[in-house]
Amino acid sequence: MWPEAAVLPGITMPVQKESLRRLGVPQETREVRPAGLRDFDAMFVTNSETPGRPVAAVDDLVLPPADRAVALLARACETVPWDEI
């Protein structure tokens, strides 16, 4: 699930979306509200340094380790071909 919000998508988010799509991972985009965060097994922040850095906690909500999801994001990132310069 991707947030429908005023976010700066940068380059990593759209690349990850496409990579996950190619791996057959279902995705959707929808509004995220604080009350709905408890429904998530994991949350990530994407940036150019990492395919997805797991979020450990949001306020008093502590999230479980996300090892499988981190591995999936890394695998998706590895499928992206390098551009020749």
N, C-alpha and C. Protein backbone atom coordinates (compact mmCIF):
# COMPACT_ATOMS: atom_id res chain seq x y z
N MET A 1 0.84 -1.16 0.00
CA MET A 1 0.00 0.00 0.00
C MET A 1 0.89 1.22 0.00
N TRP A 2 0.60 2.14 -0.89
CA TRP A 2 1.34 3.39 -0.97
C TRP A 2 0.45 4.52 -0.48
N PRO A 3 1.01 5.51 0.20
CA PRO A 3 0.17 6.59 0.73
C PRO A 3 -0.32 7.54 -0.36
N GLU A 4 -1.58 7.86 -0.27
CA GLU A 4 -2.13 8.94 -1.11
C GLU A 4 -2.03 10.18 -0.25
N ALA A 5 -0.98 10.95 -0.47
CA ALA A 5 -0.71 12.10 0.38
C ALA A 5 0.24 13.04 -0.33
N ALA A 6 0.42 14.18 0.27
CA ALA A 6 1.38 15.15 -0.26
C ALA A 6 2.77 14.69 0.15
N VAL A 7 3.34 13.79 -0.63
CA VAL A 7 4.68 13.27 -0.37
C VAL A 7 5.56 13.59 -1.56
N LEU A 8 6.84 13.66 -1.32
CA LEU A 8 7.80 13.82 -2.40
C LEU A 8 8.18 12.43 -2.87
N PRO A 9 7.68 11.99 -4.04
CA PRO A 9 7.94 10.62 -4.46
C PRO A 9 9.39 10.34 -4.81
N GLY A 10 10.17 11.37 -5.11
CA GLY A 10 11.57 11.14 -5.45
C GLY A 10 11.68 10.15 -6.59
N ILE A 11 12.76 9.41 -6.62
CA ILE A 11 12.95 8.41 -7.67
C ILE A 11 12.73 6.99 -7.14
N THR A 12 13.05 6.75 -5.87
CA THR A 12 12.99 5.39 -5.34
C THR A 12 11.57 4.86 -5.27
N MET A 13 10.62 5.67 -4.86
CA MET A 13 9.24 5.19 -4.73
C MET A 13 8.68 4.69 -6.07
N PRO A 14 8.73 5.46 -7.14
CA PRO A 14 8.20 4.93 -8.41
C PRO A 14 8.98 3.73 -8.93
N VAL A 15 10.30 3.72 -8.70
CA VAL A 15 11.10 2.57 -9.13
C VAL A 15 10.67 1.32 -8.35
N GLN A 16 10.48 1.47 -7.04
CA GLN A 16 10.05 0.33 -6.22
C GLN A 16 8.65 -0.13 -6.64
N LYS A 17 7.76 0.80 -6.92
CA LYS A 17 6.41 0.43 -7.37
C LYS A 17 6.50 -0.46 -8.61
N GLU A 18 7.28 -0.04 -9.58
CA GLU A 18 7.40 -0.80 -10.82
C GLU A 18 8.09 -2.14 -10.57
N SER A 19 9.13 -2.16 -9.77
CA SER A 19 9.85 -3.40 -9.47
C SER A 19 8.94 -4.40 -8.77
N LEU A 20 8.18 -3.94 -7.79
CA LEU A 20 7.25 -4.82 -7.07
C LEU A 20 6.15 -5.33 -8.01
N ARG A 21 5.70 -4.47 -8.92
CA ARG A 21 4.68 -4.88 -9.90
C ARG A 21 5.22 -6.02 -10.75
N ARG A 22 6.47 -5.89 -11.21
CA ARG A 22 7.08 -6.94 -12.03
C ARG A 22 7.22 -8.26 -11.26
N LEU A 23 7.37 -8.17 -9.94
CA LEU A 23 7.46 -9.38 -9.12
C LEU A 23 6.07 -9.95 -8.77
N GLY A 24 5.01 -9.26 -9.21
CA GLY A 24 3.66 -9.74 -8.96
C GLY A 24 3.10 -9.38 -7.59
N VAL A 25 3.70 -8.40 -6.94
CA VAL A 25 3.23 -7.99 -5.61
C VAL A 25 2.04 -7.04 -5.78
N PRO A 26 0.87 -7.40 -5.20
CA PRO A 26 -0.29 -6.51 -5.31
C PRO A 26 -0.02 -5.20 -4.58
N GLN A 27 -0.52 -4.10 -5.16
CA GLN A 27 -0.31 -2.78 -4.58
C GLN A 27 -1.57 -1.94 -4.74
N GLU A 28 -1.70 -0.98 -3.87
CA GLU A 28 -2.77 0.00 -4.00
C GLU A 28 -2.27 1.31 -3.40
N THR A 29 -2.93 2.38 -3.76
CA THR A 29 -2.63 3.70 -3.20
C THR A 29 -3.91 4.18 -2.52
N ARG A 30 -3.77 4.60 -1.27
CA ARG A 30 -4.93 5.11 -0.55
C ARG A 30 -4.49 6.05 0.57
N GLU A 31 -5.44 6.80 1.06
CA GLU A 31 -5.18 7.73 2.15
C GLU A 31 -4.85 6.95 3.43
N VAL A 32 -3.86 7.43 4.15
CA VAL A 32 -3.47 6.80 5.41
C VAL A 32 -3.76 7.78 6.53
N ARG A 33 -4.46 7.31 7.53
CA ARG A 33 -4.79 8.12 8.71
C ARG A 33 -4.14 7.49 9.94
N PRO A 34 -3.78 8.27 10.94
CA PRO A 34 -3.16 7.71 12.15
C PRO A 34 -3.95 6.56 12.76
N ALA A 35 -5.25 6.64 12.77
CA ALA A 35 -6.07 5.58 13.37
C ALA A 35 -5.93 4.26 12.61
N GLY A 36 -5.57 4.30 11.34
CA GLY A 36 -5.46 3.09 10.54
C GLY A 36 -4.08 2.45 10.58
N LEU A 37 -3.12 3.07 11.24
CA LEU A 37 -1.76 2.54 11.25
C LEU A 37 -1.68 1.18 11.93
N ARG A 38 -2.54 0.90 12.87
CA ARG A 38 -2.51 -0.38 13.59
C ARG A 38 -2.85 -1.57 12.66
N ASP A 39 -3.40 -1.28 11.49
CA ASP A 39 -3.74 -2.34 10.54
C ASP A 39 -2.53 -2.82 9.72
N PHE A 40 -1.39 -2.14 9.84
CA PHE A 40 -0.22 -2.46 9.04
C PHE A 40 0.73 -3.39 9.78
N ASP A 41 1.30 -4.34 9.04
CA ASP A 41 2.32 -5.23 9.60
C ASP A 41 3.69 -4.56 9.59
N ALA A 42 3.89 -3.63 8.66
CA ALA A 42 5.17 -2.95 8.52
C ALA A 42 4.96 -1.64 7.79
N MET A 43 5.91 -0.72 7.99
CA MET A 43 5.92 0.56 7.29
C MET A 43 7.37 0.84 6.90
N PHE A 44 7.53 1.55 5.78
CA PHE A 44 8.86 1.83 5.27
C PHE A 44 8.98 3.26 4.80
N VAL A 45 10.20 3.74 4.81
CA VAL A 45 10.56 5.01 4.22
C VAL A 45 11.51 4.68 3.07
N THR A 46 11.24 5.23 1.90
CA THR A 46 12.13 4.98 0.77
C THR A 46 12.97 6.23 0.51
N ASN A 47 14.18 6.00 0.06
CA ASN A 47 15.06 7.10 -0.35
C ASN A 47 16.14 6.52 -1.26
N SER A 48 17.00 7.37 -1.76
CA SER A 48 18.01 6.89 -2.70
C SER A 48 19.10 6.05 -2.04
N GLU A 49 19.17 6.05 -0.74
CA GLU A 49 20.19 5.26 -0.03
C GLU A 49 19.78 3.81 0.15
N THR A 50 18.48 3.56 0.29
CA THR A 50 18.01 2.22 0.60
C THR A 50 16.69 1.95 -0.11
N PRO A 51 16.42 0.71 -0.51
CA PRO A 51 15.14 0.41 -1.16
C PRO A 51 13.94 0.54 -0.21
N GLY A 52 14.18 0.50 1.07
CA GLY A 52 13.11 0.66 2.05
C GLY A 52 13.65 0.47 3.45
N ARG A 53 13.61 1.52 4.23
CA ARG A 53 14.06 1.44 5.62
C ARG A 53 12.83 1.25 6.50
N PRO A 54 12.80 0.16 7.28
CA PRO A 54 11.61 -0.09 8.10
C PRO A 54 11.45 0.95 9.21
N VAL A 55 10.20 1.26 9.49
CA VAL A 55 9.85 2.15 10.59
C VAL A 55 9.61 1.27 11.82
N ALA A 56 10.28 1.57 12.92
CA ALA A 56 10.18 0.75 14.13
C ALA A 56 8.97 1.12 14.98
N ALA A 57 8.60 2.40 14.97
CA ALA A 57 7.49 2.84 15.81
C ALA A 57 6.94 4.16 15.29
N VAL A 58 5.66 4.38 15.54
CA VAL A 58 5.00 5.65 15.27
C VAL A 58 4.27 6.00 16.55
N ASP A 59 4.72 7.04 17.21
CA ASP A 59 4.18 7.39 18.54
C ASP A 59 4.24 6.17 19.45
N ASP A 60 3.10 5.71 19.96
CA ASP A 60 3.10 4.56 20.88
C ASP A 60 2.89 3.23 20.16
N LEU A 61 2.76 3.25 18.86
CA LEU A 61 2.59 2.02 18.08
C LEU A 61 3.95 1.45 17.71
N VAL A 62 4.30 0.31 18.30
CA VAL A 62 5.57 -0.36 17.99
C VAL A 62 5.28 -1.44 16.96
N LEU A 63 6.04 -1.44 15.88
CA LEU A 63 5.84 -2.39 14.80
C LEU A 63 6.79 -3.58 14.96
N PRO A 64 6.35 -4.77 14.55
CA PRO A 64 7.22 -5.94 14.65
C PRO A 64 8.35 -5.84 13.62
N PRO A 65 9.42 -6.62 13.81
CA PRO A 65 10.49 -6.65 12.81
C PRO A 65 9.91 -7.00 11.43
N ALA A 66 10.48 -6.42 10.41
CA ALA A 66 9.93 -6.58 9.06
C ALA A 66 10.95 -7.24 8.13
N ASP A 67 11.63 -8.28 8.62
CA ASP A 67 12.71 -8.90 7.85
C ASP A 67 12.26 -9.41 6.49
N ARG A 68 11.11 -10.07 6.41
CA ARG A 68 10.64 -10.60 5.12
C ARG A 68 10.33 -9.47 4.15
N ALA A 69 9.70 -8.42 4.65
CA ALA A 69 9.36 -7.29 3.79
C ALA A 69 10.63 -6.56 3.33
N VAL A 70 11.61 -6.41 4.21
CA VAL A 70 12.88 -5.78 3.83
C VAL A 70 13.55 -6.60 2.73
N ALA A 71 13.53 -7.92 2.87
CA ALA A 71 14.13 -8.79 1.86
C ALA A 71 13.39 -8.65 0.52
N LEU A 72 12.08 -8.55 0.56
CA LEU A 72 11.30 -8.38 -0.67
C LEU A 72 11.65 -7.06 -1.35
N LEU A 73 11.73 -5.98 -0.58
CA LEU A 73 12.09 -4.69 -1.16
C LEU A 73 13.50 -4.72 -1.76
N ALA A 74 14.43 -5.39 -1.08
CA ALA A 74 15.79 -5.51 -1.62
C ALA A 74 15.78 -6.32 -2.91
N ARG A 75 15.02 -7.41 -2.92
CA ARG A 75 14.94 -8.25 -4.13
C ARG A 75 14.34 -7.44 -5.29
N ALA A 76 13.30 -6.67 -5.00
CA ALA A 76 12.68 -5.84 -6.04
C ALA A 76 13.69 -4.83 -6.58
N CYS A 77 14.44 -4.23 -5.70
CA CYS A 77 15.44 -3.23 -6.10
C CYS A 77 16.52 -3.87 -6.99
N GLU A 78 16.89 -5.10 -6.69
CA GLU A 78 17.91 -5.79 -7.48
C GLU A 78 17.46 -6.10 -8.90
N THR A 79 16.16 -6.06 -9.16
CA THR A 79 15.67 -6.35 -10.51
C THR A 79 15.75 -5.14 -11.43
N VAL A 80 16.07 -3.99 -10.89
CA VAL A 80 16.12 -2.76 -11.69
C VAL A 80 17.43 -2.74 -12.47
N PRO A 81 17.33 -2.67 -13.81
CA PRO A 81 18.57 -2.62 -14.59
C PRO A 81 19.28 -1.28 -14.43
N TRP A 82 20.58 -1.34 -14.44
CA TRP A 82 21.38 -0.12 -14.36
C TRP A 82 21.33 0.59 -15.71
N ASP A 83 21.32 1.92 -15.66
CA ASP A 83 21.42 2.72 -16.87
C ASP A 83 22.90 2.98 -17.17
N GLU A 84 23.31 2.77 -18.42
CA GLU A 84 24.67 3.11 -18.80
C GLU A 84 24.82 4.61 -18.89
N ILE A 85 25.95 5.08 -18.47
CA ILE A 85 26.23 6.53 -18.53
C ILE A 85 27.24 6.78 -19.63
